[in-house]
């Protein structure tokens, strides 16, 4: 009877160790051991070492959707919150909210079945570009990620500044 209990406990320990190892490898950590790898996963707006560009909204959503477990996907999505976003996106829609604030929707591509929506609420006074641009035009969007919904293919930004793209 005691031998059976030892086998059961050893088996449970092995499963727990495997799960812990997977979590360690899949989720961003803050211990600073591998900052380059961490930046590639959790800091989409920062240019990474070697000069490569940051992750696009589509790439972020794709990485999150590749995580099979919903709870792990949600935890990984939280790792992006607060990250700086510097993207050139297509204006999709402007929806008036109240007085001077508008809800703006952008897409990362014009390929409608395969695009990621990026949304934010901004002040028209601070972002006068919205008064002169039209749907489908490119805009430089600078801000911070506040929420990601991988199942809805959407990313919300805060502290957003909009600029015209330069060539």
Protein backbone atom coordinates (compact mmCIF):
# COMPACT_ATOMS: atom_id res chain seq x y z
CA UNK A 1 0.00 0.00 0.00
CA UNK A 2 2.81 2.41 0.86
CA UNK A 3 4.62 1.57 -2.40
CA UNK A 4 1.50 2.49 -4.42
CA UNK A 5 1.25 5.86 -2.65
CA UNK A 6 4.90 6.63 -3.43
CA UNK A 7 4.32 5.87 -7.13
CA UNK A 8 1.21 8.07 -7.15
CA UNK A 9 3.04 10.96 -5.49
CA UNK A 10 6.06 10.61 -7.77
CA UNK A 11 3.80 10.62 -10.84
CA UNK A 12 1.95 13.72 -9.61
CA UNK A 13 5.26 15.45 -8.92
CA UNK A 14 6.44 14.68 -12.47
CA UNK A 15 3.28 16.16 -13.99
CA UNK A 16 3.60 19.29 -11.83
CA UNK A 17 7.25 19.70 -12.83
CA UNK A 18 6.36 19.44 -16.54
CA UNK A 19 3.56 22.00 -16.22
CA UNK A 20 5.86 24.35 -14.32
CA UNK A 21 8.55 24.04 -16.98
CA UNK A 22 6.03 24.78 -19.76
CA UNK A 23 4.76 27.85 -17.93
CA UNK A 24 8.30 29.08 -17.39
CA UNK A 25 9.15 28.69 -21.08
CA UNK A 26 5.91 30.12 -22.49
CA UNK A 27 5.20 33.10 -20.26
CA UNK A 28 7.21 36.34 -20.07
CA UNK A 29 9.13 36.74 -16.83
CA UNK A 30 10.53 39.76 -15.09
CA UNK A 31 13.73 38.28 -13.72
CA UNK A 32 15.89 39.82 -16.46
CA UNK A 33 17.68 36.60 -17.42
CA UNK A 34 16.87 36.84 -21.11
CA UNK A 35 15.73 40.38 -21.90
CA UNK A 36 16.01 39.99 -25.69
CA UNK A 37 13.63 37.03 -25.74
CA UNK A 38 11.32 38.76 -23.28
CA UNK A 39 11.19 41.92 -25.41
CA UNK A 40 10.31 39.89 -28.50
CA UNK A 41 7.34 38.38 -26.66
CA UNK A 42 6.10 41.15 -24.42
CA UNK A 43 7.23 44.53 -25.77
CA UNK A 44 5.75 44.97 -29.22
CA UNK A 45 6.49 48.67 -29.60
CA UNK A 46 10.16 48.62 -28.71
CA UNK A 47 12.78 48.12 -31.39
CA UNK A 48 14.65 45.01 -30.38
CA UNK A 49 18.36 44.39 -30.22
CA UNK A 50 19.92 44.06 -33.64
CA UNK A 51 17.63 46.77 -35.07
CA UNK A 52 14.73 44.49 -36.03
CA UNK A 53 11.28 46.03 -36.00
CA UNK A 54 8.66 45.39 -33.33
CA UNK A 55 5.77 42.95 -33.52
CA UNK A 56 2.69 43.97 -35.48
CA UNK A 57 -0.80 43.69 -33.98
CA UNK A 58 -1.43 40.65 -36.22
CA UNK A 59 1.76 38.95 -34.96
CA UNK A 60 0.83 39.59 -31.32
CA UNK A 61 -2.64 38.10 -31.78
CA UNK A 62 -1.13 35.15 -33.69
CA UNK A 63 1.32 34.41 -30.86
CA UNK A 64 -1.49 34.53 -28.31
CA UNK A 65 -3.83 32.35 -30.36
CA UNK A 66 -1.05 29.73 -30.63
CA UNK A 67 -1.32 29.17 -26.86
CA UNK A 68 -3.79 26.31 -26.47
CA UNK A 69 -5.01 26.88 -22.91
CA UNK A 70 -7.36 29.87 -22.46
CA UNK A 71 -6.04 30.66 -18.98
CA UNK A 72 -2.43 30.66 -20.22
CA UNK A 73 -3.45 32.76 -23.23
CA UNK A 74 -5.06 35.32 -20.92
CA UNK A 75 -1.97 35.44 -18.71
CA UNK A 76 0.30 35.87 -21.74
CA UNK A 77 -1.96 38.67 -23.04
CA UNK A 78 -1.54 40.47 -19.70
CA UNK A 79 2.21 40.42 -20.33
CA UNK A 80 1.69 42.88 -23.19
CA UNK A 81 -0.35 45.40 -21.14
CA UNK A 82 1.65 48.57 -20.63
CA UNK A 83 3.93 47.86 -23.60
CA UNK A 84 4.62 50.70 -25.99
CA UNK A 85 2.99 50.46 -29.42
CA UNK A 86 4.41 52.25 -32.48
CA UNK A 87 2.43 51.11 -35.49
CA UNK A 88 1.39 52.44 -38.88
CA UNK A 89 -2.26 51.43 -39.27
CA UNK A 90 -5.22 52.00 -41.56
CA UNK A 91 -8.08 54.18 -40.27
CA UNK A 92 -11.27 52.11 -40.25
CA UNK A 93 -13.80 54.17 -38.35
CA UNK A 94 -14.31 57.19 -36.07
CA UNK A 95 -17.24 57.07 -33.65
CA UNK A 96 -18.21 60.18 -31.68
CA UNK A 97 -18.49 59.55 -27.96
CA UNK A 98 -18.94 62.72 -25.95
CA UNK A 99 -18.02 66.32 -26.56
CA UNK A 100 -14.43 66.21 -27.80
CA UNK A 101 -13.64 62.50 -27.39
CA UNK A 102 -13.92 59.96 -30.20
CA UNK A 103 -13.53 56.18 -30.37
CA UNK A 104 -11.15 55.37 -33.23
CA UNK A 105 -10.80 51.97 -34.89
CA UNK A 106 -7.74 51.02 -36.94
CA UNK A 107 -6.74 47.86 -38.79
CA UNK A 108 -3.28 46.55 -39.50
CA UNK A 109 -4.18 45.45 -43.02
CA UNK A 110 -6.94 46.05 -45.54
CA UNK A 111 -7.34 42.26 -45.91
CA UNK A 112 -10.64 42.14 -44.00
CA UNK A 113 -10.87 38.49 -43.03
CA UNK A 114 -7.30 38.54 -41.70
CA UNK A 115 -6.95 41.86 -39.95
CA UNK A 116 -6.53 42.83 -36.32
CA UNK A 117 -8.53 45.72 -34.90
CA UNK A 118 -6.74 48.34 -32.83
CA UNK A 119 -9.03 50.68 -30.89
CA UNK A 120 -8.58 53.75 -28.71
CA UNK A 121 -10.41 56.77 -27.34
CA UNK A 122 -8.71 60.07 -28.12
CA UNK A 123 -9.36 63.80 -27.90
CA UNK A 124 -10.02 65.60 -31.18
CA UNK A 125 -8.19 68.66 -29.80
CA UNK A 126 -5.03 66.64 -29.22
CA UNK A 127 -5.30 64.68 -32.48
CA UNK A 128 -6.39 67.17 -35.13
CA UNK A 129 -5.27 64.74 -37.85
CA UNK A 130 -8.64 62.98 -37.39
CA UNK A 131 -10.41 66.03 -38.84
CA UNK A 132 -8.63 65.72 -42.20
CA UNK A 133 -8.04 62.01 -42.83
CA UNK A 134 -10.44 59.52 -44.37
CA UNK A 135 -11.18 55.85 -43.97
CA UNK A 136 -8.41 53.65 -45.36
CA UNK A 137 -5.62 56.20 -44.91
CA UNK A 138 -2.42 55.26 -43.07
CA UNK A 139 -1.76 56.81 -39.64
CA UNK A 140 1.17 56.47 -37.24
CA UNK A 141 -0.34 55.33 -33.95
CA UNK A 142 1.76 55.75 -30.79
CA UNK A 143 0.44 54.58 -27.43
CA UNK A 144 0.40 51.88 -24.77
CA UNK A 145 -1.43 48.57 -24.87
CA UNK A 146 -4.21 48.55 -22.27
CA UNK A 147 -6.07 45.36 -23.24
CA UNK A 148 -5.83 42.47 -25.68
CA UNK A 149 -8.69 40.18 -26.68
CA UNK A 150 -7.09 37.46 -28.84
CA UNK A 151 -10.41 35.70 -29.45
CA UNK A 152 -11.82 38.93 -30.92
CA UNK A 153 -8.62 39.81 -32.82
CA UNK A 154 -8.48 43.16 -31.05
CA UNK A 155 -6.06 45.35 -29.11
CA UNK A 156 -6.98 48.44 -27.10
CA UNK A 157 -4.54 51.32 -26.65
CA UNK A 158 -4.35 54.22 -24.21
CA UNK A 159 -2.31 57.45 -24.09
CA UNK A 160 -2.50 57.60 -27.88
CA UNK A 161 -0.92 60.16 -30.17
CA UNK A 162 -1.76 60.08 -33.88
CA UNK A 163 0.59 61.39 -36.56
CA UNK A 164 0.75 61.46 -40.33
CA UNK A 165 3.19 58.92 -41.74
CA UNK A 166 6.39 60.33 -43.20
CA UNK A 167 7.98 58.88 -46.29
